[in-house]
C-alpha atoms as a PDB file:
ATOM      1  CA  MET A   1     -22.108 109.626 122.540  1.00  0.00           C
ATOM      2  CA  LYS A   2     -20.142 109.701 119.281  1.00  0.00           C
ATOM      3  CA  ILE A   3     -22.013 112.820 118.176  1.00  0.00           C
ATOM      4  CA  LYS A   4     -21.168 114.628 121.441  1.00  0.00           C
ATOM      5  CA  LEU A   5     -17.531 113.641 121.078  1.00  0.00           C
ATOM      6  CA  LEU A   6     -17.478 114.791 117.439  1.00  0.00           C
ATOM      7  CA  LEU A   7     -19.136 118.116 118.337  1.00  0.00           C
ATOM      8  CA  SER A   8     -16.688 118.677 121.199  1.00  0.00           C
ATOM      9  CA  ALA A   9     -13.698 117.941 118.960  1.00  0.00           C
ATOM     10  CA  THR A  10     -15.039 120.258 116.246  1.00  0.00           C
ATOM     11  CA  LEU A  11     -15.665 123.074 118.742  1.00  0.00           C
ATOM     12  CA  CYS A  12     -12.165 122.655 120.166  1.00  0.00           C
ATOM     13  CA  ALA A  13     -10.592 122.725 116.675  1.00  0.00           C
ATOM     14  CA  LEU A  14     -12.546 125.869 115.726  1.00  0.00           C
ATOM     15  CA  THR A  15     -11.480 127.603 118.947  1.00  0.00           C
ATOM     16  CA  ILE A  16      -7.821 126.759 118.325  1.00  0.00           C
ATOM     17  CA  ALA A  17      -8.073 127.899 114.687  1.00  0.00           C
ATOM     18  CA  CYS A  18      -9.667 131.210 115.692  1.00  0.00           C
ATOM     19  CA  LEU A  19      -7.050 131.865 118.361  1.00  0.00           C
ATOM     20  CA  GLY A  20      -4.288 131.045 115.911  1.00  0.00           C
ATOM     21  CA  GLN A  21      -5.671 133.524 113.366  1.00  0.00           C
ATOM     22  CA  GLN A  22      -5.615 136.498 115.720  1.00  0.00           C
ATOM     23  CA  SER A  23      -2.859 138.864 114.768  1.00  0.00           C
ATOM     24  CA  THR A  24      -1.181 141.701 116.549  1.00  0.00           C
ATOM     25  CA  SER A  25      -1.837 145.183 115.246  1.00  0.00           C
ATOM     26  CA  TRP A  26       1.581 146.792 114.819  1.00  0.00           C
ATOM     27  CA  GLU A  27       0.125 149.768 112.929  1.00  0.00           C
ATOM     28  CA  ARG A  28       1.411 152.391 115.390  1.00  0.00           C
ATOM     29  CA  TRP A  29       4.941 150.919 115.234  1.00  0.00           C
ATOM     30  CA  THR A  30       5.412 150.646 111.451  1.00  0.00           C
ATOM     31  CA  SER A  31       6.837 154.164 111.104  1.00  0.00           C
ATOM     32  CA  LEU A  32       9.630 153.222 113.555  1.00  0.00           C
ATOM     33  CA  ILE A  33      10.594 149.999 111.752  1.00  0.00           C
ATOM     34  CA  GLY A  34      14.026 150.485 110.213  1.00  0.00           C
ATOM     35  CA  GLU A  35      17.441 151.845 111.118  1.00  0.00           C
ATOM     36  CA  TRP A  36      18.016 155.231 112.732  1.00  0.00           C
ATOM     37  CA  LYS A  37      21.025 157.448 113.458  1.00  0.00           C
ATOM     38  CA  GLY A  38      20.940 160.222 115.996  1.00  0.00           C
ATOM     39  CA  GLU A  39      22.625 162.677 118.277  1.00  0.00           C
ATOM     40  CA  GLY A  40      21.531 163.948 121.617  1.00  0.00           C
ATOM     41  CA  SER A  41      22.496 165.366 124.942  1.00  0.00           C
ATOM     42  CA  GLY A  42      21.745 164.793 128.561  1.00  0.00           C
ATOM     43  CA  GLN A  43      23.181 163.493 131.815  1.00  0.00           C
ATOM     44  CA  PRO A  44      25.825 161.270 130.172  1.00  0.00           C
ATOM     45  CA  GLY A  45      26.898 164.177 127.931  1.00  0.00           C
ATOM     46  CA  GLN A  46      26.724 164.934 124.226  1.00  0.00           C
ATOM     47  CA  GLY A  47      26.669 161.710 122.268  1.00  0.00           C
ATOM     48  CA  GLY A  48      25.515 159.861 119.222  1.00  0.00           C
ATOM     49  CA  GLY A  49      24.456 156.435 118.167  1.00  0.00           C
ATOM     50  CA  THR A  50      22.237 154.179 116.169  1.00  0.00           C
ATOM     51  CA  PHE A  51      19.179 152.088 116.862  1.00  0.00           C
ATOM     52  CA  SER A  52      16.866 149.863 114.904  1.00  0.00           C
ATOM     53  CA  PHE A  53      13.394 148.416 115.162  1.00  0.00           C
ATOM     54  CA  SER A  54      12.635 145.159 113.363  1.00  0.00           C
ATOM     55  CA  PHE A  55       9.822 142.641 113.241  1.00  0.00           C
ATOM     56  CA  GLU A  56      10.848 139.203 114.457  1.00  0.00           C
ATOM     57  CA  LEU A  57       9.237 135.764 114.904  1.00  0.00           C
ATOM     58  CA  ASP A  58       6.756 136.146 112.020  1.00  0.00           C
ATOM     59  CA  LYS A  59       5.769 139.661 113.206  1.00  0.00           C
ATOM     60  CA  ASN A  60       4.856 138.439 116.676  1.00  0.00           C
ATOM     61  CA  ILE A  61       7.354 140.771 118.366  1.00  0.00           C
ATOM     62  CA  ILE A  62       9.434 143.839 117.585  1.00  0.00           C
ATOM     63  CA  VAL A  63      13.091 143.971 118.614  1.00  0.00           C
ATOM     64  CA  ARG A  64      14.856 147.271 119.199  1.00  0.00           C
ATOM     65  CA  LYS A  65      18.649 147.287 119.322  1.00  0.00           C
ATOM     66  CA  SER A  66      20.618 150.375 120.279  1.00  0.00           C
ATOM     67  CA  HIS A  67      24.279 151.434 120.371  1.00  0.00           C
ATOM     68  CA  SER A  68      25.349 154.831 121.775  1.00  0.00           C
ATOM     69  CA  GLU A  69      28.729 156.404 122.430  1.00  0.00           C
ATOM     70  CA  TYR A  70      29.588 159.344 124.651  1.00  0.00           C
ATOM     71  CA  PRO A  71      33.124 160.724 124.269  1.00  0.00           C
ATOM     72  CA  ALA A  72      35.507 161.026 127.190  1.00  0.00           C
ATOM     73  CA  THR A  73      35.613 164.329 129.058  1.00  0.00           C
ATOM     74  CA  ASP A  74      38.135 165.738 131.520  1.00  0.00           C
ATOM     75  CA  ASN A  75      36.521 163.850 134.398  1.00  0.00           C
ATOM     76  CA  LYS A  76      34.782 160.905 132.683  1.00  0.00           C
ATOM     77  CA  PRO A  77      35.975 158.089 130.418  1.00  0.00           C
ATOM     78  CA  LYS A  78      34.301 157.290 127.095  1.00  0.00           C
ATOM     79  CA  VAL A  79      30.962 155.524 127.597  1.00  0.00           C
ATOM     80  CA  ILE A  80      29.554 152.882 125.247  1.00  0.00           C
ATOM     81  CA  HIS A  81      25.962 151.868 125.868  1.00  0.00           C
ATOM     82  CA  GLU A  82      24.202 148.975 124.148  1.00  0.00           C
ATOM     83  CA  ASP A  83      20.722 147.688 124.761  1.00  0.00           C
ATOM     84  CA  LEU A  84      18.036 145.392 123.436  1.00  0.00           C
ATOM     85  CA  MET A  85      14.296 145.707 123.920  1.00  0.00           C
ATOM     86  CA  ILE A  86      11.542 143.273 123.000  1.00  0.00           C
ATOM     87  CA  ILE A  87       8.063 144.712 122.401  1.00  0.00           C
ATOM     88  CA  TYR A  88       5.314 142.128 122.640  1.00  0.00           C
ATOM     89  CA  PRO A  89       1.512 141.915 122.673  1.00  0.00           C
ATOM     90  CA  ASP A  90      -0.630 141.495 125.753  1.00  0.00           C
ATOM     91  CA  SER A  91      -3.439 138.949 126.055  1.00  0.00           C
ATOM     92  CA  ASN A  92      -5.637 141.149 123.810  1.00  0.00           C
ATOM     93  CA  GLU A  93      -3.044 140.933 121.020  1.00  0.00           C
ATOM     94  CA  GLN A  94      -2.177 144.632 121.376  1.00  0.00           C
ATOM     95  CA  PRO A  95       1.495 145.685 121.600  1.00  0.00           C
ATOM     96  CA  ALA A  96       1.289 146.854 125.199  1.00  0.00           C
ATOM     97  CA  LYS A  97       4.398 145.504 126.938  1.00  0.00           C
ATOM     98  CA  ALA A  98       8.176 145.613 126.533  1.00  0.00           C
ATOM     99  CA  ILE A  99      11.235 144.288 128.305  1.00  0.00           C
ATOM    100  CA  TYR A 100      14.611 146.028 128.128  1.00  0.00           C
ATOM    101  CA  PHE A 101      18.158 144.731 128.728  1.00  0.00           C
ATOM    102  CA  ASP A 102      21.450 146.644 128.534  1.00  0.00           C
ATOM    103  CA  ASN A 103      25.203 146.112 128.856  1.00  0.00           C
ATOM    104  CA  GLU A 104      25.139 147.670 132.337  1.00  0.00           C
ATOM    105  CA  GLY A 105      22.966 144.839 133.659  1.00  0.00           C
ATOM    106  CA  HIS A 106      19.677 146.755 133.787  1.00  0.00           C
ATOM    107  CA  ILE A 107      16.381 145.009 133.105  1.00  0.00           C
ATOM    108  CA  ILE A 108      13.282 147.198 132.793  1.00  0.00           C
ATOM    109  CA  HIS A 109       9.677 146.066 132.293  1.00  0.00           C
ATOM    110  CA  TYR A 110       7.537 148.620 130.454  1.00  0.00           C
ATOM    111  CA  SER A 111       3.861 149.224 129.748  1.00  0.00           C
ATOM    112  CA  ILE A 112       3.077 151.079 126.526  1.00  0.00           C
ATOM    113  CA  SER A 113       0.622 153.882 125.766  1.00  0.00           C
ATOM    114  CA  TYR A 114      -0.123 155.740 122.565  1.00  0.00           C
ATOM    115  CA  ALA A 115      -0.899 159.305 121.492  1.00  0.00           C
ATOM    116  CA  GLU A 116      -1.413 160.664 117.992  1.00  0.00           C
ATOM    117  CA  GLN A 117       2.281 161.082 117.070  1.00  0.00           C
ATOM    118  CA  SER A 118       4.006 159.365 119.981  1.00  0.00           C
ATOM    119  CA  ILE A 119       4.562 156.065 121.732  1.00  0.00           C
ATOM    120  CA  THR A 120       5.370 156.158 125.443  1.00  0.00           C
ATOM    121  CA  LEU A 121       6.853 153.333 127.475  1.00  0.00           C
ATOM    122  CA  ILE A 122       6.693 153.668 131.247  1.00  0.00           C
ATOM    123  CA  SER A 123       8.439 151.282 133.600  1.00  0.00           C
ATOM    124  CA  ASP A 124       6.661 149.209 136.183  1.00  0.00           C
ATOM    125  CA  LYS A 125       6.986 150.524 139.727  1.00  0.00           C
ATOM    126  CA  VAL A 126       9.702 148.704 141.667  1.00  0.00           C
ATOM    127  CA  ALA A 127      10.519 149.559 145.279  1.00  0.00           C
ATOM    128  CA  ASN A 128      13.597 151.760 145.738  1.00  0.00           C
ATOM    129  CA  LEU A 129      14.115 152.271 141.991  1.00  0.00           C
ATOM    130  CA  PRO A 130      13.271 155.265 139.800  1.00  0.00           C
ATOM    131  CA  ILE A 131      10.433 155.108 137.307  1.00  0.00           C
ATOM    132  CA  PHE A 132      11.572 155.422 133.700  1.00  0.00           C
ATOM    133  CA  ARG A 133       9.658 156.933 130.792  1.00  0.00           C
ATOM    134  CA  LEU A 134      10.796 156.512 127.187  1.00  0.00           C
ATOM    135  CA  THR A 135       8.918 158.477 124.520  1.00  0.00           C
ATOM    136  CA  TYR A 136       9.262 158.296 120.747  1.00  0.00           C
ATOM    137  CA  THR A 137       7.642 161.264 118.994  1.00  0.00           C
ATOM    138  CA  LEU A 138       7.436 161.132 115.213  1.00  0.00           C
ATOM    139  CA  LEU A 139       8.304 164.606 113.891  1.00  0.00           C
ATOM    140  CA  SER A 140       8.118 163.585 110.219  1.00  0.00           C
ATOM    141  CA  LYS A 141       8.244 160.268 108.366  1.00  0.00           C
ATOM    142  CA  ASP A 142      12.066 160.226 108.673  1.00  0.00           C
ATOM    143  CA  ILE A 143      12.710 162.084 111.948  1.00  0.00           C
ATOM    144  CA  VAL A 144      11.912 160.913 115.467  1.00  0.00           C
ATOM    145  CA  ASN A 145      12.589 162.568 118.814  1.00  0.00           C
ATOM    146  CA  THR A 146      13.525 160.185 121.621  1.00  0.00           C
ATOM    147  CA  GLU A 147      13.273 161.293 125.231  1.00  0.00           C
ATOM    148  CA  PHE A 148      14.322 159.170 128.210  1.00  0.00           C
ATOM    149  CA  GLU A 149      13.160 160.493 131.568  1.00  0.00           C
ATOM    150  CA  MET A 150      13.337 159.429 135.217  1.00  0.00           C
ATOM    151  CA  SER A 151      11.209 160.058 138.276  1.00  0.00           C
ATOM    152  CA  GLN A 152      11.321 159.062 141.924  1.00  0.00           C
ATOM    153  CA  ASP A 153       7.570 159.440 142.427  1.00  0.00           C
ATOM    154  CA  GLY A 154       6.079 158.795 138.973  1.00  0.00           C
ATOM    155  CA  GLU A 155       4.789 162.384 138.834  1.00  0.00           C
ATOM    156  CA  GLN A 156       7.796 164.679 138.467  1.00  0.00           C
ATOM    157  CA  PHE A 157      10.014 163.470 135.601  1.00  0.00           C
ATOM    158  CA  PHE A 158      13.342 164.947 134.546  1.00  0.00           C
ATOM    159  CA  THR A 159      14.956 164.377 131.171  1.00  0.00           C
ATOM    160  CA  TYR A 160      18.032 162.168 131.396  1.00  0.00           C
ATOM    161  CA  ILE A 161      18.749 162.189 127.661  1.00  0.00           C
ATOM    162  CA  GLU A 162      16.974 163.477 124.575  1.00  0.00           C
ATOM    163  CA  GLY A 163      17.796 163.636 120.889  1.00  0.00           C
ATOM    164  CA  LYS A 164      16.547 163.568 117.329  1.00  0.00           C
ATOM    165  CA  SER A 165      17.264 160.712 114.940  1.00  0.00           C
ATOM    166  CA  ILE A 166      17.055 160.372 111.181  1.00  0.00           C
ATOM    167  CA  LYS A 167      15.902 157.186 109.460  1.00  0.00           C
ATOM    168  CA  THR A 168      18.728 155.708 107.395  1.00  0.00           C
ATOM    169  CA  LYS A 169      17.009 152.555 106.068  1.00  0.00           C
END
C-alpha cells in the first residue's frame, strides 16, 4: 500500500514538473517586440501614433499598447484612440489567442494564424457584428505594415486603416 502511494505521489510530481517546464514559443513574435512609430490612412483619416509589444508575466503573455491620433477636419473633431491587447498561448502552449480592449469600449477576441512574414489576427464571429482582421507584415527588421480590415461575411474584407511603422526601440 505504501509503495502504491509513493508511486502515485511520484507520478503526480513528475507530471506537475513536466507541465510547469513547458514554455510558449514566441519565436514568430520576437521581431515585433519593442516600440514602434507610424503613420497611416483609412476611414478615420490620415493619422499617426505609436504602439509597443512587450513580454509580460515571465514571458507568458505579450502585451500590445497603442496610441493613435487623427487630426480634426472640417466635419470631424480630433480623434484619440488607445487600446491594449493581450496575446496568450492556447492549451498547446502556442500563441494562438488574443483579447483586445480600447477606449471606445470595444472588446474583441482574436484567433491567430501565421505566414512566412506576417501574423494575422481574426476576430471570433459574433452575431450582428463585423469580423475584424488585423495583419502585421514584417517588411524589414525595422519596418512593419499594419492593416486593419472589416467584413460583414468573413469573406469580403475592406481596409479600414493601414500604415507602415518604424521600430524606435
